[in-house]
Amino acid sequence: QVQLVESGGGLVQPGGSLRLSCVVSGFTIRRNAMRWHRQAPGKERELVADISSAGITTNYADSVKGRFTISRDNAKNTVYLQMNSLKPEDTAVYYCYTRGASGIDYWGKGTLVTVSS
């Protein structure tokens, strides 16, 4: 059974930092591109960042460029999202995502990030 489990969310003040983790079980991610998405209250889910299978190529939404960093440790089957200089508008549930070799989409259940003073 494939599972993606996010952790690391919480309440943080504006300007603060959090590091999200996504641990994958049920298959090895070394051949998979990985993504972080987020969904704010009342808004559609949006792509935040993605990373290629070897971790060489990364892409970011304009709203998080220069503040967020996606990385991965294939030996640990884990993907990370380092979030710095957090803003209230970063408040959302953050989801880990990948597409399996068979074309199946795999999502985690999400971790809530709240940026507020």
PDB file of N, CA and C in Angstrom:
ATOM      1  N   GLN A   1       0.844  -1.190   0.000  1.00  0.00           N
ATOM      2  CA  GLN A   1       0.000   0.000   0.000  1.00  0.00           C
ATOM      3  C   GLN A   1       0.883   1.245   0.000  1.00  0.00           C
ATOM      4  N   VAL A   2       0.620   2.132  -0.939  1.00  0.00           N
ATOM      5  CA  VAL A   2       1.396   3.356  -1.064  1.00  0.00           C
ATOM      6  C   VAL A   2       0.852   4.400  -0.093  1.00  0.00           C
ATOM      7  N   GLN A   3       1.757   4.994   0.655  1.00  0.00           N
ATOM      8  CA  GLN A   3       1.369   6.071   1.564  1.00  0.00           C
ATOM      9  C   GLN A   3       2.356   7.215   1.475  1.00  0.00           C
ATOM     10  N   LEU A   4       1.827   8.431   1.478  1.00  0.00           N
ATOM     11  CA  LEU A   4       2.638   9.641   1.582  1.00  0.00           C
ATOM     12  C   LEU A   4       2.191  10.322   2.873  1.00  0.00           C
ATOM     13  N   VAL A   5       3.116  10.539   3.775  1.00  0.00           N
ATOM     14  CA  VAL A   5       2.774  11.109   5.068  1.00  0.00           C
ATOM     15  C   VAL A   5       3.567  12.387   5.290  1.00  0.00           C
ATOM     16  N   GLU A   6       2.831  13.502   5.341  1.00  0.00           N
ATOM     17  CA  GLU A   6       3.455  14.799   5.576  1.00  0.00           C
ATOM     18  C   GLU A   6       3.529  15.092   7.067  1.00  0.00           C
ATOM     19  N   SER A   7       4.523  15.862   7.447  1.00  0.00           N
ATOM     20  CA  SER A   7       4.651  16.324   8.828  1.00  0.00           C
ATOM     21  C   SER A   7       5.439  17.620   8.845  1.00  0.00           C
ATOM     22  N   GLY A   8       5.434  18.278  10.007  1.00  0.00           N
ATOM     23  CA  GLY A   8       6.224  19.492  10.160  1.00  0.00           C
ATOM     24  C   GLY A   8       5.427  20.775  10.149  1.00  0.00           C
ATOM     25  N   GLY A   9       4.129  20.685   9.892  1.00  0.00           N
ATOM     26  CA  GLY A   9       3.316  21.891   9.914  1.00  0.00           C
ATOM     27  C   GLY A   9       3.092  22.399  11.322  1.00  0.00           C
ATOM     28  N   GLY A  10       2.478  23.570  11.408  1.00  0.00           N
ATOM     29  CA  GLY A  10       2.201  24.147  12.715  1.00  0.00           C
ATOM     30  C   GLY A  10       1.932  25.622  12.617  1.00  0.00           C
ATOM     31  N   LEU A  11       1.911  26.261  13.771  1.00  0.00           N
ATOM     32  CA  LEU A  11       1.692  27.702  13.861  1.00  0.00           C
ATOM     33  C   LEU A  11       3.034  28.406  13.962  1.00  0.00           C
ATOM     34  N   VAL A  12       3.229  29.403  13.127  1.00  0.00           N
ATOM     35  CA  VAL A  12       4.477  30.150  13.120  1.00  0.00           C
ATOM     36  C   VAL A  12       4.174  31.626  12.891  1.00  0.00           C
ATOM     37  N   GLN A  13       5.000  32.480  13.460  1.00  0.00           N
ATOM     38  CA  GLN A  13       4.810  33.916  13.271  1.00  0.00           C
ATOM     39  C   GLN A  13       5.318  34.356  11.899  1.00  0.00           C
ATOM     40  N   PRO A  14       4.787  35.434  11.375  1.00  0.00           N
ATOM     41  CA  PRO A  14       5.322  35.973  10.115  1.00  0.00           C
ATOM     42  C   PRO A  14       6.828  36.189  10.218  1.00  0.00           C
ATOM     43  N   GLY A  15       7.519  35.803   9.147  1.00  0.00           N
ATOM     44  CA  GLY A  15       8.961  35.880   9.136  1.00  0.00           C
ATOM     45  C   GLY A  15       9.652  34.631   9.634  1.00  0.00           C
ATOM     46  N   GLY A  16       8.897  33.716  10.186  1.00  0.00           N
ATOM     47  CA  GLY A  16       9.458  32.491  10.716  1.00  0.00           C
ATOM     48  C   GLY A  16       9.702  31.431   9.663  1.00  0.00           C
ATOM     49  N   SER A  17      10.151  30.266  10.134  1.00  0.00           N
ATOM     50  CA  SER A  17      10.499  29.165   9.242  1.00  0.00           C
ATOM     51  C   SER A  17       9.880  27.864   9.720  1.00  0.00           C
ATOM     52  N   LEU A  18       9.631  26.994   8.749  1.00  0.00           N
ATOM     53  CA  LEU A  18       9.201  25.628   9.022  1.00  0.00           C
ATOM     54  C   LEU A  18       9.828  24.716   7.989  1.00  0.00           C
ATOM     55  N   ARG A  19      10.020  23.462   8.369  1.00  0.00           N
ATOM     56  CA  ARG A  19      10.502  22.457   7.436  1.00  0.00           C
ATOM     57  C   ARG A  19       9.496  21.316   7.388  1.00  0.00           C
ATOM     58  N   LEU A  20       8.909  21.134   6.235  1.00  0.00           N
ATOM     59  CA  LEU A  20       7.964  20.038   6.035  1.00  0.00           C
ATOM     60  C   LEU A  20       8.693  18.804   5.514  1.00  0.00           C
ATOM     61  N   SER A  21       8.198  17.648   5.910  1.00  0.00           N
ATOM     62  CA  SER A  21       8.727  16.386   5.423  1.00  0.00           C
ATOM     63  C   SER A  21       7.593  15.553   4.840  1.00  0.00           C
ATOM     64  N   CYS A  22       7.924  14.750   3.850  1.00  0.00           N
ATOM     65  CA  CYS A  22       6.967  13.818   3.253  1.00  0.00           C
ATOM     66  C   CYS A  22       7.669  12.471   3.144  1.00  0.00           C
ATOM     67  N   VAL A  23       7.258  11.538   3.963  1.00  0.00           N
ATOM     68  CA  VAL A  23       7.831  10.196   3.931  1.00  0.00           C
ATOM     69  C   VAL A  23       6.925   9.291   3.109  1.00  0.00           C
ATOM     70  N   VAL A  24       7.525   8.621   2.148  1.00  0.00           N
ATOM     71  CA  VAL A  24       6.774   7.752   1.244  1.00  0.00           C
ATOM     72  C   VAL A  24       7.047   6.290   1.578  1.00  0.00           C
ATOM     73  N   SER A  25       6.013   5.506   1.624  1.00  0.00           N
ATOM     74  CA  SER A  25       6.160   4.063   1.828  1.00  0.00           C
ATOM     75  C   SER A  25       5.353   3.339   0.767  1.00  0.00           C
ATOM     76  N   GLY A  26       5.731   2.110   0.498  1.00  0.00           N
ATOM     77  CA  GLY A  26       5.016   1.304  -0.481  1.00  0.00           C
ATOM     78  C   GLY A  26       5.682   1.244  -1.838  1.00  0.00           C
ATOM     79  N   PHE A  27       6.573   2.181  -2.125  1.00  0.00           N
ATOM     80  CA  PHE A  27       7.386   2.115  -3.333  1.00  0.00           C
ATOM     81  C   PHE A  27       8.555   3.073  -3.178  1.00  0.00           C
ATOM     82  N   THR A  28       9.574   2.894  -3.987  1.00  0.00           N
ATOM     83  CA  THR A  28      10.731   3.771  -3.932  1.00  0.00           C
ATOM     84  C   THR A  28      10.523   4.964  -4.852  1.00  0.00           C
ATOM     85  N   ILE A  29      10.905   6.136  -4.360  1.00  0.00           N
ATOM     86  CA  ILE A  29      10.645   7.356  -5.115  1.00  0.00           C
ATOM     87  C   ILE A  29      11.793   7.764  -6.026  1.00  0.00           C
ATOM     88  N   ARG A  30      12.854   6.975  -6.071  1.00  0.00           N
ATOM     89  CA  ARG A  30      14.066   7.450  -6.745  1.00  0.00           C
ATOM     90  C   ARG A  30      13.863   7.739  -8.225  1.00  0.00           C
ATOM     91  N   ARG A  31      12.814   7.188  -8.825  1.00  0.00           N
ATOM     92  CA  ARG A  31      12.566   7.458 -10.246  1.00  0.00           C
ATOM     93  C   ARG A  31      11.411   8.444 -10.451  1.00  0.00           C
ATOM     94  N   ASN A  32      10.918   8.997  -9.356  1.00  0.00           N
ATOM     95  CA  ASN A  32       9.740   9.856  -9.436  1.00  0.00           C
ATOM     96  C   ASN A  32      10.062  11.320  -9.188  1.00  0.00           C
ATOM     97  N   ALA A  33       9.521  12.178 -10.035  1.00  0.00           N
ATOM     98  CA  ALA A  33       9.465  13.578  -9.671  1.00  0.00           C
ATOM     99  C   ALA A  33       8.487  13.701  -8.502  1.00  0.00           C
ATOM    100  N   MET A  34       8.752  14.668  -7.656  1.00  0.00           N
ATOM    101  CA  MET A  34       7.909  14.873  -6.475  1.00  0.00           C
ATOM    102  C   MET A  34       7.457  16.326  -6.434  1.00  0.00           C
ATOM    103  N   ARG A  35       6.301  16.548  -5.844  1.00  0.00           N
ATOM    104  CA  ARG A  35       5.760  17.899  -5.770  1.00  0.00           C
ATOM    105  C   ARG A  35       5.215  18.204  -4.382  1.00  0.00           C
ATOM    106  N   TRP A  36       5.215  19.482  -4.055  1.00  0.00           N
ATOM    107  CA  TRP A  36       4.451  20.007  -2.938  1.00  0.00           C
ATOM    108  C   TRP A  36       3.378  20.932  -3.510  1.00  0.00           C
ATOM    109  N   HIS A  37       2.172  20.722  -3.056  1.00  0.00           N
ATOM    110  CA  HIS A  37       1.054  21.596  -3.384  1.00  0.00           C
ATOM    111  C   HIS A  37       0.529  22.188  -2.080  1.00  0.00           C
ATOM    112  N   ARG A  38      -0.300  23.203  -2.204  1.00  0.00           N
ATOM    113  CA  ARG A  38      -0.972  23.733  -1.024  1.00  0.00           C
ATOM    114  C   ARG A  38      -2.378  24.193  -1.395  1.00  0.00           C
ATOM    115  N   GLN A  39      -3.231  24.213  -0.374  1.00  0.00           N
ATOM    116  CA  GLN A  39      -4.590  24.693  -0.566  1.00  0.00           C
ATOM    117  C   GLN A  39      -4.971  25.567   0.613  1.00  0.00           C
ATOM    118  N   ALA A  40      -5.176  26.833   0.311  1.00  0.00           N
ATOM    119  CA  ALA A  40      -5.601  27.789   1.332  1.00  0.00           C
ATOM    120  C   ALA A  40      -7.120  27.752   1.467  1.00  0.00           C
ATOM    121  N   PRO A  41      -7.641  28.186   2.598  1.00  0.00           N
ATOM    122  CA  PRO A  41      -9.093  28.185   2.786  1.00  0.00           C
ATOM    123  C   PRO A  41      -9.810  28.952   1.684  1.00  0.00           C
ATOM    124  N   GLY A  42     -10.781  28.309   1.070  1.00  0.00           N
ATOM    125  CA  GLY A  42     -11.573  28.966   0.044  1.00  0.00           C
ATOM    126  C   GLY A  42     -10.898  29.090  -1.309  1.00  0.00           C
ATOM    127  N   LYS A  43      -9.725  28.484  -1.447  1.00  0.00           N
ATOM    128  CA  LYS A  43      -8.993  28.594  -2.708  1.00  0.00           C
ATOM    129  C   LYS A  43      -8.720  27.215  -3.287  1.00  0.00           C
ATOM    130  N   GLU A  44      -8.361  27.211  -4.571  1.00  0.00           N
ATOM    131  CA  GLU A  44      -8.021  25.953  -5.233  1.00  0.00           C
ATOM    132  C   GLU A  44      -6.615  25.505  -4.818  1.00  0.00           C
ATOM    133  N   ARG A  45      -6.396  24.219  -4.937  1.00  0.00           N
ATOM    134  CA  ARG A  45      -5.077  23.681  -4.660  1.00  0.00           C
ATOM    135  C   ARG A  45      -4.108  24.186  -5.718  1.00  0.00           C
ATOM    136  N   GLU A  46      -2.898  24.565  -5.303  1.00  0.00           N
ATOM    137  CA  GLU A  46      -1.918  25.092  -6.239  1.00  0.00           C
ATOM    138  C   GLU A  46      -0.570  24.407  -6.043  1.00  0.00           C
ATOM    139  N   LEU A  47       0.185  24.359  -7.134  1.00  0.00           N
ATOM    140  CA  LEU A  47       1.524  23.791  -7.092  1.00  0.00           C
ATOM    141  C   LEU A  47       2.475  24.790  -6.444  1.00  0.00           C
ATOM    142  N   VAL A  48       3.237  24.332  -5.477  1.00  0.00           N
ATOM    143  CA  VAL A  48       4.209  25.183  -4.788  1.00  0.00           C
ATOM    144  C   VAL A  48       5.609  24.954  -5.337  1.00  0.00           C
ATOM    145  N   ALA A  49       6.009  23.688  -5.435  1.00  0.00           N
ATOM    146  CA  ALA A  49       7.368  23.369  -5.873  1.00  0.00           C
ATOM    147  C   ALA A  49       7.417  21.943  -6.380  1.00  0.00           C
ATOM    148  N   ASP A  50       8.343  21.690  -7.301  1.00  0.00           N
ATOM    149  CA  ASP A  50       8.567  20.313  -7.726  1.00  0.00           C
ATOM    150  C   ASP A  50      10.059  20.061  -7.869  1.00  0.00           C
ATOM    151  N   ILE A  51      10.408  18.785  -7.857  1.00  0.00           N
ATOM    152  CA  ILE A  51      11.815  18.393  -7.920  1.00  0.00           C
ATOM    153  C   ILE A  51      11.928  17.138  -8.769  1.00  0.00           C
ATOM    154  N   SER A  52      12.952  17.098  -9.614  1.00  0.00           N
ATOM    155  CA  SER A  52      13.151  15.946 -10.477  1.00  0.00           C
ATOM    156  C   SER A  52      13.608  14.737  -9.669  1.00  0.00           C
ATOM    157  N   SER A  53      13.615  13.585 -10.326  1.00  0.00           N
ATOM    158  CA  SER A  53      13.887  12.331  -9.616  1.00  0.00           C
ATOM    159  C   SER A  53      15.264  12.326  -8.957  1.00  0.00           C
ATOM    160  N   ALA A  54      16.253  12.904  -9.633  1.00  0.00           N
ATOM    161  CA  ALA A  54      17.609  12.927  -9.071  1.00  0.00           C
ATOM    162  C   ALA A  54      17.857  14.174  -8.227  1.00  0.00           C
ATOM    163  N   GLY A  55      16.867  15.050  -8.185  1.00  0.00           N
ATOM    164  CA  GLY A  55      17.020  16.261  -7.393  1.00  0.00           C
ATOM    165  C   GLY A  55      17.796  17.367  -8.073  1.00  0.00           C
ATOM    166  N   ILE A  56      18.028  17.212  -9.369  1.00  0.00           N
ATOM    167  CA  ILE A  56      18.848  18.197 -10.076  1.00  0.00           C
ATOM    168  C   ILE A  56      18.042  19.429 -10.472  1.00  0.00           C
ATOM    169  N   THR A  57      16.801  19.213 -10.849  1.00  0.00           N
ATOM    170  CA  THR A  57      15.959  20.311 -11.329  1.00  0.00           C
ATOM    171  C   THR A  57      14.842  20.590 -10.337  1.00  0.00           C
ATOM    172  N   THR A  58      14.674  21.862 -10.021  1.00  0.00           N
ATOM    173  CA  THR A  58      13.580  22.286  -9.153  1.00  0.00           C
ATOM    174  C   THR A  58      12.844  23.451  -9.784  1.00  0.00           C
ATOM    175  N   ASN A  59      11.574  23.566  -9.457  1.00  0.00           N
ATOM    176  CA  ASN A  59      10.751  24.670  -9.934  1.00  0.00           C
ATOM    177  C   ASN A  59       9.872  25.152  -8.786  1.00  0.00           C
ATOM    178  N   TYR A  60       9.582  26.453  -8.828  1.00  0.00           N
ATOM    179  CA  TYR A  60       8.814  27.053  -7.745  1.00  0.00           C
ATOM    180  C   TYR A  60       7.743  27.978  -8.282  1.00  0.00           C
ATOM    181  N   ALA A  61       6.657  28.066  -7.544  1.00  0.00           N
ATOM    182  CA  ALA A  61       5.666  29.086  -7.835  1.00  0.00           C
ATOM    183  C   ALA A  61       6.300  30.449  -7.583  1.00  0.00           C
ATOM    184  N   ASP A  62       5.890  31.442  -8.358  1.00  0.00           N
ATOM    185  CA  ASP A  62       6.460  32.783  -8.211  1.00  0.00           C
ATOM    186  C   ASP A  62       6.287  33.302  -6.787  1.00  0.00           C
ATOM    187  N   SER A  63       5.192  32.929  -6.159  1.00  0.00           N
ATOM    188  CA  SER A  63       4.890  33.457  -4.833  1.00  0.00           C
ATOM    189  C   SER A  63       5.846  32.960  -3.753  1.00  0.00           C
ATOM    190  N   VAL A  64       6.590  31.889  -4.015  1.00  0.00           N
ATOM    191  CA  VAL A  64       7.477  31.330  -2.983  1.00  0.00           C
ATOM    192  C   VAL A  64       8.949  31.347  -3.396  1.00  0.00           C
ATOM    193  N   LYS A  65       9.248  31.778  -4.602  1.00  0.00           N
ATOM    194  CA  LYS A  65      10.634  31.799  -5.074  1.00  0.00           C
ATOM    195  C   LYS A  65      11.505  32.628  -4.149  1.00  0.00           C
ATOM    196  N   GLY A  66      12.670  32.071  -3.830  1.00  0.00           N
ATOM    197  CA  GLY A  66      13.600  32.774  -2.960  1.00  0.00           C
ATOM    198  C   GLY A  66      13.331  32.573  -1.482  1.00  0.00           C
ATOM    199  N   ARG A  67      12.187  31.981  -1.151  1.00  0.00           N
ATOM    200  CA  ARG A  67      11.845  31.742   0.256  1.00  0.00           C
ATOM    201  C   ARG A  67      11.738  30.255   0.587  1.00  0.00           C
ATOM    202  N   PHE A  68      11.275  29.459  -0.368  1.00  0.00           N
ATOM    203  CA  PHE A  68      11.083  28.026  -0.146  1.00  0.00           C
ATOM    204  C   PHE A  68      12.141  27.237  -0.914  1.00  0.00           C
ATOM    205  N   THR A  69      12.516  26.094  -0.356  1.00  0.00           N
ATOM    206  CA  THR A  69      13.460  25.203  -1.019  1.00  0.00           C
ATOM    207  C   THR A  69      12.962  23.769  -0.908  1.00  0.00           C
ATOM    208  N   ILE A  70      12.809  23.123  -2.051  1.00  0.00           N
ATOM    209  CA  ILE A  70      12.420  21.714  -2.072  1.00  0.00           C
ATOM    210  C   ILE A  70      13.683  20.873  -2.217  1.00  0.00           C
ATOM    211  N   SER A  71      13.716  19.753  -1.516  1.00  0.00           N
ATOM    212  CA  SER A  71      14.855  18.844  -1.599  1.00  0.00           C
ATOM    213  C   SER A  71      14.361  17.422  -1.349  1.00  0.00           C
ATOM    214  N   ARG A  72      15.262  16.483  -1.563  1.00  0.00           N
ATOM    215  CA  ARG A  72      14.864  15.089  -1.375  1.00  0.00           C
ATOM    216  C   ARG A  72      16.036  14.254  -0.928  1.00  0.00           C
ATOM    217  N   ASP A  73      15.720  13.173  -0.246  1.00  0.00           N
ATOM    218  CA  ASP A  73      16.712  12.182   0.157  1.00  0.00           C
ATOM    219  C   ASP A  73      16.161  10.832  -0.300  1.00  0.00           C
ATOM    220  N   ASN A  74      16.605  10.371  -1.444  1.00  0.00           N
ATOM    221  CA  ASN A  74      16.050   9.132  -1.993  1.00  0.00           C
ATOM    222  C   ASN A  74      16.376   7.932  -1.124  1.00  0.00           C
ATOM    223  N   ALA A  75      17.471   7.980  -0.410  1.00  0.00           N
ATOM    224  CA  ALA A  75      17.820   6.869   0.476  1.00  0.00           C
ATOM    225  C   ALA A  75      16.807   6.733   1.617  1.00  0.00           C
ATOM    226  N   LYS A  76      16.213   7.875   1.994  1.00  0.00           N
ATOM    227  CA  LYS A  76      15.207   7.864   3.054  1.00  0.00           C
ATOM    228  C   LYS A  76      13.789   7.888   2.506  1.00  0.00           C
ATOM    229  N   ASN A  77      13.672   7.895   1.157  1.00  0.00           N
ATOM    230  CA  ASN A  77      12.345   7.957   0.536  1.00  0.00           C
ATOM    231  C   ASN A  77      11.540   9.148   1.050  1.00  0.00           C
ATOM    232  N   THR A  78      12.211  10.276   1.159  1.00  0.00           N
ATOM    233  CA  THR A  78      11.626  11.449   1.797  1.00  0.00           C
ATOM    234  C   THR A  78      11.876  12.703   0.964  1.00  0.00           C
ATOM    235  N   VAL A  79      10.873  13.572   0.954  1.00  0.00           N
ATOM    236  CA  VAL A  79      10.971  14.873   0.298  1.00  0.00           C
ATOM    237  C   VAL A  79      10.740  15.947   1.355  1.00  0.00           C
ATOM    238  N   TYR A  80      11.420  17.064   1.191  1.00  0.00           N
ATOM    239  CA  TYR A  80      11.346  18.139   2.169  1.00  0.00           C
ATOM    240  C   TYR A  80      10.920  19.446   1.504  1.00  0.00           C
ATOM    241  N   LEU A  81      10.369  20.325   2.313  1.00  0.00           N
ATOM    242  CA  LEU A  81      10.100  21.687   1.869  1.00  0.00           C
ATOM    243  C   LEU A  81      10.522  22.623   2.998  1.00  0.00           C
ATOM    244  N   GLN A  82      11.642  23.304   2.783  1.00  0.00           N
ATOM    245  CA  GLN A  82      12.103  24.309   3.739  1.00  0.00           C
ATOM    246  C   GLN A  82      11.437  25.627   3.403  1.00  0.00           C
ATOM    247  N   MET A  83      10.738  26.180   4.380  1.00  0.00           N
ATOM    248  CA  MET A  83       9.982  27.413   4.158  1.00  0.00           C
ATOM    249  C   MET A  83      10.519  28.498   5.084  1.00  0.00           C
ATOM    250  N   ASN A  84      11.057  29.545   4.498  1.00  0.00           N
ATOM    251  CA  ASN A  84      11.602  30.669   5.260  1.00  0.00           C
ATOM    252  C   ASN A  84      10.814  31.935   4.965  1.00  0.00           C
ATOM    253  N   SER A  85      10.991  32.918   5.796  1.00  0.00           N
ATOM    254  CA  SER A  85      10.326  34.222   5.620  1.00  0.00           C
ATOM    255  C   SER A  85       8.836  34.037   5.367  1.00  0.00           C
ATOM    256  N   LEU A  86       8.220  33.247   6.187  1.00  0.00           N
ATOM    257  CA  LEU A  86       6.812  32.913   5.970  1.00  0.00           C
ATOM    258  C   LEU A  86       5.916  34.130   6.129  1.00  0.00           C
ATOM    259  N   LYS A  87       4.862  34.150   5.317  1.00  0.00           N
ATOM    260  CA  LYS A  87       3.902  35.237   5.293  1.00  0.00           C
ATOM    261  C   LYS A  87       2.509  34.688   5.630  1.00  0.00           C
ATOM    262  N   PRO A  88       1.628  35.545   6.099  1.00  0.00           N
ATOM    263  CA  PRO A  88       0.267  35.073   6.385  1.00  0.00           C
ATOM    264  C   PRO A  88      -0.387  34.398   5.181  1.00  0.00           C
ATOM    265  N   GLU A  89      -0.077  34.867   3.982  1.00  0.00           N
ATOM    266  CA  GLU A  89      -0.667  34.276   2.781  1.00  0.00           C
ATOM    267  C   GLU A  89      -0.112  32.890   2.461  1.00  0.00           C
ATOM    268  N   ASP A  90       0.881  32.442   3.201  1.00  0.00           N
ATOM    269  CA  ASP A  90       1.365  31.063   3.054  1.00  0.00           C
ATOM    270  C   ASP A  90       0.519  30.076   3.855  1.00  0.00           C
ATOM    271  N   THR A  91      -0.398  30.585   4.645  1.00  0.00           N
ATOM    272  CA  THR A  91      -1.274  29.718   5.428  1.00  0.00           C
ATOM    273  C   THR A  91      -2.079  28.811   4.507  1.00  0.00           C
ATOM    274  N   ALA A  92      -1.966  27.514   4.726  1.00  0.00           N
ATOM    275  CA  ALA A  92      -2.624  26.531   3.865  1.00  0.00           C
ATOM    276  C   ALA A  92      -2.355  25.131   4.398  1.00  0.00           C
ATOM    277  N   VAL A  93      -3.062  24.184   3.840  1.00  0.00           N
ATOM    278  CA  VAL A  93      -2.706  22.782   4.033  1.00  0.00           C
ATOM    279  C   VAL A  93      -1.740  22.417   2.907  1.00  0.00           C
ATOM    280  N   TYR A  94      -0.612  21.844   3.271  1.00  0.00           N
ATOM    281  CA  TYR A  94       0.430  21.497   2.310  1.00  0.00           C
ATOM    282  C   TYR A  94       0.396  19.987   2.063  1.00  0.00           C
ATOM    283  N   TYR A  95       0.388  19.636   0.766  1.00  0.00           N
ATOM    284  CA  TYR A  95       0.265  18.246   0.350  1.00  0.00           C
ATOM    285  C   TYR A  95       1.481  17.815  -0.464  1.00  0.00           C
ATOM    286  N   CYS A  96       1.865  16.598  -0.240  1.00  0.00           N
ATOM    287  CA  CYS A  96       2.903  15.940  -1.025  1.00  0.00           C
ATOM    288  C   CYS A  96       2.225  15.139  -2.130  1.00  0.00           C
ATOM    289  N   TYR A  97       2.857  15.096  -3.313  1.00  0.00           N
ATOM    290  CA  TYR A  97       2.239  14.421  -4.463  1.00  0.00           C
ATOM    291  C   TYR A  97       3.308  13.772  -5.331  1.00  0.00           C
ATOM    292  N   THR A  98       2.936  12.621  -5.889  1.00  0.00           N
ATOM    293  CA  THR A  98       3.724  12.037  -6.962  1.00  0.00           C
ATOM    294  C   THR A  98       2.807  11.199  -7.844  1.00  0.00           C
ATOM    295  N   ARG A  99       3.261  10.933  -9.023  1.00  0.00           N
ATOM    296  CA  ARG A  99       2.518  10.055  -9.930  1.00  0.00           C
ATOM    297  C   ARG A  99       3.293   8.757 -10.079  1.00  0.00           C
ATOM    298  N   GLY A 100       2.622   7.656  -9.847  1.00  0.00           N
ATOM    299  CA  GLY A 100       3.252   6.359  -9.963  1.00  0.00           C
ATOM    300  C   GLY A 100       3.484   5.954 -11.409  1.00  0.00           C
ATOM    301  N   ALA A 101       4.287   4.901 -11.595  1.00  0.00           N
ATOM    302  CA  ALA A 101       4.627   4.421 -12.926  1.00  0.00           C
ATOM    303  C   ALA A 101       3.385   4.018 -13.714  1.00  0.00           C
ATOM    304  N   SER A 102       2.359   3.579 -13.031  1.00  0.00           N
ATOM    305  CA  SER A 102       1.128   3.154 -13.698  1.00  0.00           C
ATOM    306  C   SER A 102       0.203   4.326 -14.003  1.00  0.00           C
ATOM    307  N   GLY A 103       0.638   5.518 -13.685  1.00  0.00           N
ATOM    308  CA  GLY A 103      -0.181   6.694 -13.951  1.00  0.00           C
ATOM    309  C   GLY A 103      -1.121   7.068 -12.828  1.00  0.00           C
ATOM    310  N   ILE A 104      -1.022   6.380 -11.714  1.00  0.00           N
ATOM    311  CA  ILE A 104      -1.880   6.682 -10.566  1.00  0.00           C
ATOM    312  C   ILE A 104      -1.307   7.875  -9.807  1.00  0.00           C
ATOM    313  N   ASP A 105      -2.192   8.793  -9.421  1.00  0.00           N
ATOM    314  CA  ASP A 105      -1.787   9.945  -8.629  1.00  0.00           C
ATOM    315  C   ASP A 105      -1.828   9.575  -7.149  1.00  0.00           C
ATOM    316  N   TYR A 106      -0.755   9.899  -6.452  1.00  0.00           N
ATOM    317  CA  TYR A 106      -0.678   9.638  -5.020  1.00  0.00           C
ATOM    318  C   TYR A 106      -0.559  10.962  -4.270  1.00  0.00           C
ATOM    319  N   TRP A 107      -1.445  11.137  -3.304  1.00  0.00           N
ATOM    320  CA  TRP A 107      -1.451  12.342  -2.469  1.00  0.00           C
ATOM    321  C   TRP A 107      -1.345  11.943  -1.000  1.00  0.00           C
ATOM    322  N   GLY A 108      -0.661  12.790  -0.239  1.00  0.00           N
ATOM    323  CA  GLY A 108      -0.723  12.642   1.197  1.00  0.00           C
ATOM    324  C   GLY A 108      -1.975  13.306   1.728  1.00  0.00           C
ATOM    325  N   LYS A 109      -2.184  13.193   3.049  1.00  0.00           N
ATOM    326  CA  LYS A 109      -3.368  13.801   3.664  1.00  0.00           C
ATOM    327  C   LYS A 109      -3.160  15.260   4.023  1.00  0.00           C
ATOM    328  N   GLY A 110      -1.920  15.699   3.961  1.00  0.00           N
ATOM    329  CA  GLY A 110      -1.635  17.102   4.183  1.00  0.00           C
ATOM    330  C   GLY A 110      -1.209  17.443   5.594  1.00  0.00           C
ATOM    331  N   THR A 111      -0.528  18.574   5.706  1.00  0.00           N
ATOM    332  CA  THR A 111      -0.137  19.114   7.006  1.00  0.00           C
ATOM    333  C   THR A 111      -0.449  20.612   7.003  1.00  0.00           C
ATOM    334  N   LEU A 112      -1.047  21.088   8.073  1.00  0.00           N
ATOM    335  CA  LEU A 112      -1.523  22.469   8.132  1.00  0.00           C
ATOM    336  C   LEU A 112      -0.411  23.408   8.575  1.00  0.00           C
ATOM    337  N   VAL A 113      -0.232  24.460   7.799  1.00  0.00           N
ATOM    338  CA  VAL A 113       0.696  25.537   8.150  1.00  0.00           C
ATOM    339  C   VAL A 113      -0.118  26.801   8.373  1.00  0.00           C
ATOM    340  N   THR A 114       0.038  27.381   9.540  1.00  0.00           N
ATOM    341  CA  THR A 114      -0.654  28.623   9.865  1.00  0.00           C
ATOM    342  C   THR A 114       0.372  29.676  10.210  1.00  0.00           C
ATOM    343  N   VAL A 115       0.342  30.778   9.464  1.00  0.00           N
ATOM    344  CA  VAL A 115       1.273  31.886   9.696  1.00  0.00           C
ATOM    345  C   VAL A 115       0.473  33.054  10.251  1.00  0.00           C
ATOM    346  N   SER A 116       0.710  33.341  11.519  1.00  0.00           N
ATOM    347  CA  SER A 116      -0.089  34.366  12.181  1.00  0.00           C
ATOM    348  C   SER A 116       0.652  34.871  13.411  1.00  0.00           C
ATOM    349  N   SER A 117       0.423  36.148  13.714  1.00  0.00           N
ATOM    350  CA  SER A 117       1.002  36.711  14.933  1.00  0.00           C
ATOM    351  C   SER A 117       0.005  36.640  16.079  1.00  0.00           C
TER     352      SER A 117
END
